[in-house]
Amino acid sequence: MLFFLFTYINNYTTCQVVDKINIMKNILKLLGIIVFVTIIGFTMTACGDGNGSGGKIPAELAAKWYLSQAAADAGGADYSFEITSAGKYQGGGSDTWQDVSVNGNTITFSVAGHKISVASFSVSGTILTVSRESFGNFSPGLYYKKAN
């Protein structure tokens, strides 16, 4: 094997060998860049945006939600739950924050990456309507937030 390599190299001048080595180095660099970009692309595709599996929390959904409009307008501590724009959910009276994500009109609650509740919702003014629950313990019904 070495004999053939030595014979191959001897058939070229020193400049030709250096040129071939530089071309091979450039090809390897190009392949390395392609692999690197491919890995980053797949990583970005596989990862979410920090809000779990869905998209950003709509501004009209980020609020403390109450069981009545009167309680919401009073702004007391007896809210039913809170959803933040950072994709967090906390039930009223609980110290535990869960992840929440939104995809279209579906809201998903999860803990440590595991879905615990999925429901359909709509927001109109100060009223949140949870119309259907796929599974979990998020109760369908009407919820209210403080009017601005």
Foldseek 3Di string as FASTA:
>chain_A
DVVVVVVVVVVDDPVVVVVVVVVVVVVVVVVVVVVVVVVVVVVVVPDDPQQAPADFDDPLQAAFWAPDQVCQQVVDQQTQKGAHRSQWIDGRPDPDIWGWHDHPQKIFTHHPNHTAWIFGWDDDQFKIATDGIPHHDDDGDIIGHHHD
